[in-house]
Amino acid sequence: MEFTAQDAAILERIMLWRRDVRHFRPDPVPEDVLARLRAAMDHAPSVGNARPWRVIRVEDPALRAAVRAEFTRCNHNAAASYEGEQAQAYGRLKLAGLDAAPVQLAVFTETDPEAGHRLGRATMELTLQQSTAMAIFALWLAARAENLGLGAVSILEPSVIERLFAVPAHWEFAGYLCLGHPAFMDDTPLLHRADWQQNAPTLWETR
């Protein structure tokens, strides 16, 4: 397959407009779209082809409420670690779309999968978690290409989420994803726009 300059430009646009979305419309996402997004994760690279990501689609209102409660607890603790103007700035940030996102996914990494036969991870076991991260990013880009937004909620205690979902002991929490139609489109990260942390170019060092 030989891609064109037009293909490269489209990919660049998708990546530019990929945002960590926290503001969602409650409109449902069609099941055929979700099927395509699920398939997008199938194309993600993984160490030894182990495919260690495990995804739970969270529909139970009680589970969703428990996740929101855990976010509130962790967010309160995080806010207490800042002082002065930075504490005020933190309080103004919207850091999760748990209130409105119609689709919510809990993602875990299988830390001792039989698949892959340990190829490529004997010396770097973190490649399993990296594989899961790449699967999430594949989902993220595919969602954006479907004119959807995705946001990752990281202000959660992993052990609490693992207990909440009663996952096997060798499943490690990787992230809680909110997915749906964004309330507005923006090509600028919210944290950059809010002046919390400015974007910076990637530096490649030569040695």
Protein backbone atom coordinates (compact mmCIF):
# COMPACT_ATOMS: atom_id res chain seq x y z
CA MET A 1 0.00 0.00 0.00
CA GLU A 2 1.42 3.37 -1.02
CA PHE A 3 -0.20 6.35 0.64
CA THR A 4 -0.45 9.79 -0.94
CA ALA A 5 0.33 13.28 0.29
CA GLN A 6 -3.43 13.76 0.60
CA ASP A 7 -3.64 10.75 2.93
CA ALA A 8 -0.83 12.21 5.05
CA ALA A 9 -2.62 15.56 5.22
CA ILE A 10 -5.85 13.90 6.36
CA LEU A 11 -4.02 12.00 9.09
CA GLU A 12 -2.32 15.22 10.21
CA ARG A 13 -5.73 16.94 10.44
CA ILE A 14 -7.19 14.07 12.46
CA MET A 15 -4.26 14.20 14.88
CA LEU A 16 -4.45 18.00 15.14
CA TRP A 17 -8.14 17.88 16.02
CA ARG A 18 -7.81 14.93 18.42
CA ARG A 19 -8.51 16.38 21.83
CA ASP A 20 -8.96 15.06 25.36
CA VAL A 21 -12.67 15.83 25.37
CA ARG A 22 -14.42 16.60 28.66
CA HIS A 23 -17.58 18.28 27.34
CA PHE A 24 -20.06 15.89 25.70
CA ARG A 25 -23.56 15.94 24.28
CA PRO A 26 -25.66 13.07 25.66
CA ASP A 27 -26.69 11.85 22.17
CA PRO A 28 -26.19 8.07 21.86
CA VAL A 29 -23.46 6.66 19.64
CA PRO A 30 -24.82 4.19 17.05
CA GLU A 31 -23.84 0.58 17.59
CA ASP A 32 -22.37 0.22 14.11
CA VAL A 33 -20.00 3.10 14.87
CA LEU A 34 -18.98 1.48 18.14
CA ALA A 35 -18.32 -1.75 16.26
CA ARG A 36 -15.93 0.10 13.95
CA LEU A 37 -14.18 1.69 16.91
CA ARG A 38 -13.81 -1.67 18.60
CA ALA A 39 -12.30 -3.03 15.39
CA ALA A 40 -9.84 -0.12 15.31
CA MET A 41 -8.27 -1.46 18.48
CA ASP A 42 -7.72 -4.77 16.67
CA HIS A 43 -5.20 -3.00 14.40
CA ALA A 44 -3.07 -1.60 17.24
CA PRO A 45 0.49 -2.92 17.59
CA SER A 46 1.30 -5.01 20.64
CA VAL A 47 4.38 -6.69 22.03
CA GLY A 48 4.59 -10.31 20.86
CA ASN A 49 1.12 -9.82 19.41
CA ALA A 50 -0.06 -10.42 22.97
CA ARG A 51 -2.96 -7.94 22.67
CA PRO A 52 -3.11 -7.42 26.44
CA TRP A 53 -5.86 -4.79 26.56
CA ARG A 54 -9.14 -5.74 28.20
CA VAL A 55 -12.16 -3.44 27.81
CA ILE A 56 -15.36 -3.26 29.85
CA ARG A 57 -18.24 -1.19 28.48
CA VAL A 58 -19.82 0.39 31.54
CA GLU A 59 -23.62 0.63 31.29
CA ASP A 60 -24.70 -0.09 34.88
CA PRO A 61 -25.84 3.22 36.49
CA ALA A 62 -24.56 2.06 39.87
CA LEU A 63 -21.08 1.38 38.48
CA ARG A 64 -21.03 4.73 36.72
CA ALA A 65 -22.08 6.46 39.93
CA ALA A 66 -19.32 4.65 41.84
CA VAL A 67 -16.72 5.79 39.30
CA ARG A 68 -17.96 9.38 39.59
CA ALA A 69 -17.75 9.16 43.38
CA GLU A 70 -14.17 7.88 43.17
CA PHE A 71 -13.27 10.68 40.77
CA THR A 72 -14.78 13.24 43.16
CA ARG A 73 -12.75 11.83 46.04
CA CYS A 74 -9.48 11.75 44.09
CA ASN A 75 -10.10 15.15 42.56
CA HIS A 76 -10.68 16.66 46.00
CA ASN A 77 -7.38 15.19 47.22
CA ALA A 78 -5.57 16.46 44.12
CA ALA A 79 -7.00 19.95 44.55
CA ALA A 80 -5.70 20.04 48.12
CA SER A 81 -2.13 19.63 46.84
CA TYR A 82 -2.20 23.08 45.18
CA GLU A 83 -2.13 26.49 46.80
CA GLY A 84 -3.06 30.05 45.96
CA GLU A 85 -3.73 30.99 42.36
CA GLN A 86 -2.82 27.52 41.13
CA ALA A 87 -5.44 26.00 43.44
CA GLN A 88 -8.03 28.41 42.04
CA ALA A 89 -6.98 27.57 38.48
CA TYR A 90 -7.26 23.86 39.22
CA GLY A 91 -10.76 24.36 40.59
CA ARG A 92 -11.85 25.95 37.31
CA LEU A 93 -10.70 23.01 35.19
CA LYS A 94 -13.19 20.43 33.95
CA LEU A 95 -11.21 17.21 34.21
CA ALA A 96 -13.73 14.53 33.28
CA GLY A 97 -16.76 13.95 31.08
CA LEU A 98 -18.37 11.45 33.44
CA ASP A 99 -21.52 13.54 33.79
CA ALA A 100 -22.62 13.37 30.15
CA ALA A 101 -20.56 10.94 28.05
CA PRO A 102 -22.99 8.32 26.66
CA VAL A 103 -20.30 5.64 26.25
CA GLN A 104 -17.87 4.83 29.03
CA LEU A 105 -15.13 2.21 28.87
CA ALA A 106 -12.92 0.84 31.63
CA VAL A 107 -9.65 -0.40 30.13
CA PHE A 108 -7.23 -2.79 31.80
CA THR A 109 -3.94 -4.49 30.91
CA GLU A 110 -3.56 -8.24 31.28
CA THR A 111 -0.13 -8.36 32.95
CA ASP A 112 0.60 -12.05 32.40
CA PRO A 113 -1.07 -13.08 29.14
CA GLU A 114 -0.43 -16.46 27.61
CA ALA A 115 -0.68 -14.87 24.19
CA GLY A 116 2.66 -13.79 22.76
CA HIS A 117 4.64 -16.35 24.80
CA ARG A 118 6.54 -13.49 26.52
CA LEU A 119 8.12 -12.45 23.22
CA GLY A 120 9.66 -8.98 23.49
CA ARG A 121 8.80 -8.38 27.15
CA ALA A 122 11.25 -10.50 29.11
CA THR A 123 13.45 -7.44 29.68
CA MET A 124 10.80 -4.72 29.27
CA GLU A 125 7.54 -5.80 30.88
CA LEU A 126 6.16 -2.27 30.50
CA THR A 127 5.70 -3.07 26.81
CA LEU A 128 2.39 -4.65 27.83
CA GLN A 129 1.14 -1.35 29.25
CA GLN A 130 2.57 0.45 26.22
CA SER A 131 0.61 -1.90 23.98
CA THR A 132 -2.60 -1.03 25.80
CA ALA A 133 -1.80 2.67 25.45
CA MET A 134 -1.36 2.24 21.70
CA ALA A 135 -4.71 0.43 21.46
CA ILE A 136 -6.34 3.33 23.29
CA PHE A 137 -4.69 5.80 20.92
CA ALA A 138 -5.90 3.79 17.92
CA LEU A 139 -9.42 4.03 19.35
CA TRP A 140 -8.91 7.75 19.97
CA LEU A 141 -7.92 8.53 16.37
CA ALA A 142 -10.66 6.32 14.95
CA ALA A 143 -13.23 8.07 17.15
CA ARG A 144 -12.07 11.46 15.90
CA ALA A 145 -12.36 10.27 12.30
CA GLU A 146 -16.00 9.40 13.13
CA ASN A 147 -16.49 13.00 14.39
CA LEU A 148 -16.61 11.76 17.98
CA GLY A 149 -14.58 12.84 20.97
CA LEU A 150 -12.82 10.77 23.60
CA GLY A 151 -11.50 11.75 27.00
CA ALA A 152 -9.34 9.76 29.40
CA VAL A 153 -10.05 10.05 33.13
CA SER A 154 -6.83 9.57 35.08
CA ILE A 155 -7.88 11.04 38.43
CA LEU A 156 -8.90 7.66 39.82
CA GLU A 157 -7.15 5.26 42.19
CA PRO A 158 -6.30 2.13 40.18
CA SER A 159 -6.76 -0.32 43.05
CA VAL A 160 -10.21 1.10 43.80
CA ILE A 161 -11.32 0.73 40.17
CA GLU A 162 -9.95 -2.81 40.01
CA ARG A 163 -11.97 -3.73 43.11
CA LEU A 164 -15.04 -1.92 41.84
CA PHE A 165 -15.08 -3.95 38.62
CA ALA A 166 -13.96 -7.16 40.37
CA VAL A 167 -11.39 -7.87 37.67
CA PRO A 168 -8.88 -10.74 37.88
CA ALA A 169 -5.80 -10.11 40.00
CA HIS A 170 -3.54 -9.89 36.95
CA TRP A 171 -5.62 -7.14 35.30
CA GLU A 172 -4.09 -3.71 35.86
CA PHE A 173 -6.21 -0.57 35.45
CA ALA A 174 -5.08 1.45 32.43
CA GLY A 175 -7.70 4.14 32.02
CA TYR A 176 -11.35 5.11 32.07
CA LEU A 177 -12.53 6.48 28.74
CA CYS A 178 -15.48 8.77 28.03
CA LEU A 179 -16.73 8.66 24.44
CA GLY A 180 -19.41 10.57 22.57
CA HIS A 181 -20.27 13.59 20.49
CA PRO A 182 -18.26 16.61 21.69
CA ALA A 183 -20.23 19.63 22.86
CA PHE A 184 -17.91 21.81 20.76
CA MET A 185 -14.95 21.36 18.42
CA ASP A 186 -11.52 22.75 19.26
CA ASP A 187 -8.05 22.19 17.83
CA THR A 188 -6.36 23.55 20.98
CA PRO A 189 -5.90 21.43 24.12
CA LEU A 190 -8.06 22.73 26.96
CA LEU A 191 -5.11 22.85 29.36
CA HIS A 192 -3.22 25.02 26.85
CA ARG A 193 -6.23 27.26 26.35
CA ALA A 194 -6.78 27.53 30.12
CA ASP A 195 -3.10 28.48 30.53
CA TRP A 196 -2.49 25.53 32.86
CA GLN A 197 0.28 24.10 30.68
CA GLN A 198 1.31 25.36 27.27
CA ASN A 199 2.07 23.05 24.37
CA ALA A 200 5.75 22.61 23.59
CA PRO A 201 7.42 21.15 20.51
CA THR A 202 8.96 17.69 20.63
CA LEU A 203 12.75 17.88 20.68
CA TRP A 204 14.83 15.21 18.99
CA GLU A 205 18.32 14.95 20.42
CA THR A 206 21.15 13.81 18.20
CA ARG A 207 24.11 11.91 19.63
